[in-house]
Amino acid sequence: MSNAKAKIPLETKSVSHGGSYDVAYFAKKHGLSMKDAMRLIKAHGSDRDAADRAAQRFHH
């Protein structure tokens, strides 16, 4: 039996465990690279408000 999760491209995976946040959506929303978006989401976990605030500060 193959693992379907393993076939999902990294940029479409959700990073946080509690309330998932799509990395591609987050990166596009804030004009970030996928790598930077993933770092911010991992750092703030399921707290979307905190991740959004951090992304806004990221550019300033």
C-alpha atoms as a PDB file:
ATOM      1  CA  MET A   1       0.000   0.000   0.000  1.00  0.00           C
ATOM      2  CA  SER A   2       1.493   3.347  -0.972  1.00  0.00           C
ATOM      3  CA  ASN A   3       1.463   6.385   1.252  1.00  0.00           C
ATOM      4  CA  ALA A   4      -0.609   9.055  -0.548  1.00  0.00           C
ATOM      5  CA  LYS A   5       0.709  11.791   1.760  1.00  0.00           C
ATOM      6  CA  ALA A   6       4.254  11.273   0.509  1.00  0.00           C
ATOM      7  CA  LYS A   7       3.183  12.204  -3.031  1.00  0.00           C
ATOM      8  CA  ILE A   8       1.872  15.656  -2.086  1.00  0.00           C
ATOM      9  CA  PRO A   9       4.328  18.399  -3.102  1.00  0.00           C
ATOM     10  CA  LEU A  10       5.922  20.188  -0.153  1.00  0.00           C
ATOM     11  CA  GLU A  11       4.482  23.583  -1.103  1.00  0.00           C
ATOM     12  CA  THR A  12       0.921  22.312  -0.802  1.00  0.00           C
ATOM     13  CA  LYS A  13       1.379  20.670   2.576  1.00  0.00           C
ATOM     14  CA  SER A  14       0.146  22.245   5.755  1.00  0.00           C
ATOM     15  CA  VAL A  15       2.817  22.758   8.332  1.00  0.00           C
ATOM     16  CA  SER A  16       1.190  23.370  11.694  1.00  0.00           C
ATOM     17  CA  HIS A  17      -0.399  20.485  13.543  1.00  0.00           C
ATOM     18  CA  GLY A  18      -3.428  22.011  15.261  1.00  0.00           C
ATOM     19  CA  GLY A  19      -4.990  24.318  12.693  1.00  0.00           C
ATOM     20  CA  SER A  20      -3.254  23.703   9.429  1.00  0.00           C
ATOM     21  CA  TYR A  21      -2.112  26.649   7.358  1.00  0.00           C
ATOM     22  CA  ASP A  22      -1.306  26.022   3.692  1.00  0.00           C
ATOM     23  CA  VAL A  23       2.263  27.141   3.027  1.00  0.00           C
ATOM     24  CA  ALA A  24       1.654  28.196  -0.586  1.00  0.00           C
ATOM     25  CA  TYR A  25      -1.365  30.287   0.388  1.00  0.00           C
ATOM     26  CA  PHE A  26       0.497  31.928   3.274  1.00  0.00           C
ATOM     27  CA  ALA A  27       3.545  32.680   1.102  1.00  0.00           C
ATOM     28  CA  LYS A  28       1.435  34.229  -1.658  1.00  0.00           C
ATOM     29  CA  LYS A  29      -0.716  36.193   0.807  1.00  0.00           C
ATOM     30  CA  HIS A  30       2.352  37.854   2.338  1.00  0.00           C
ATOM     31  CA  GLY A  31       4.717  37.899  -0.663  1.00  0.00           C
ATOM     32  CA  LEU A  32       7.168  35.512   0.992  1.00  0.00           C
ATOM     33  CA  SER A  33       9.318  32.722  -0.346  1.00  0.00           C
ATOM     34  CA  MET A  34       8.102  29.217   0.423  1.00  0.00           C
ATOM     35  CA  LYS A  35      11.075  28.717   2.736  1.00  0.00           C
ATOM     36  CA  ASP A  36      10.349  31.876   4.748  1.00  0.00           C
ATOM     37  CA  ALA A  37       6.628  31.103   4.906  1.00  0.00           C
ATOM     38  CA  MET A  38       7.344  27.613   6.205  1.00  0.00           C
ATOM     39  CA  ARG A  39       9.682  28.974   8.885  1.00  0.00           C
ATOM     40  CA  LEU A  40       7.083  31.453  10.118  1.00  0.00           C
ATOM     41  CA  ILE A  41       4.294  28.886  10.184  1.00  0.00           C
ATOM     42  CA  LYS A  42       6.471  26.386  12.044  1.00  0.00           C
ATOM     43  CA  ALA A  43       7.501  29.053  14.545  1.00  0.00           C
ATOM     44  CA  HIS A  44       3.920  30.084  15.313  1.00  0.00           C
ATOM     45  CA  GLY A  45       2.192  26.728  15.044  1.00  0.00           C
ATOM     46  CA  SER A  46      -1.566  26.855  14.808  1.00  0.00           C
ATOM     47  CA  ASP A  47      -1.832  30.529  15.790  1.00  0.00           C
ATOM     48  CA  ARG A  48      -2.721  32.066  12.417  1.00  0.00           C
ATOM     49  CA  ASP A  49      -2.995  35.588  13.820  1.00  0.00           C
ATOM     50  CA  ALA A  50       0.530  35.402  15.241  1.00  0.00           C
ATOM     51  CA  ALA A  51       1.871  33.985  11.972  1.00  0.00           C
ATOM     52  CA  ASP A  52       0.171  36.773   9.986  1.00  0.00           C
ATOM     53  CA  ARG A  53       1.573  39.444  12.333  1.00  0.00           C
ATOM     54  CA  ALA A  54       5.055  37.947  12.067  1.00  0.00           C
ATOM     55  CA  ALA A  55       4.814  37.903   8.265  1.00  0.00           C
ATOM     56  CA  GLN A  56       3.842  41.579   8.248  1.00  0.00           C
ATOM     57  CA  ARG A  57       6.840  42.408  10.462  1.00  0.00           C
ATOM     58  CA  PHE A  58       9.076  40.252   8.275  1.00  0.00           C
ATOM     59  CA  HIS A  59       9.084  42.873   5.500  1.00  0.00           C
ATOM     60  CA  HIS A  60       9.423  45.928   7.751  1.00  0.00           C
END
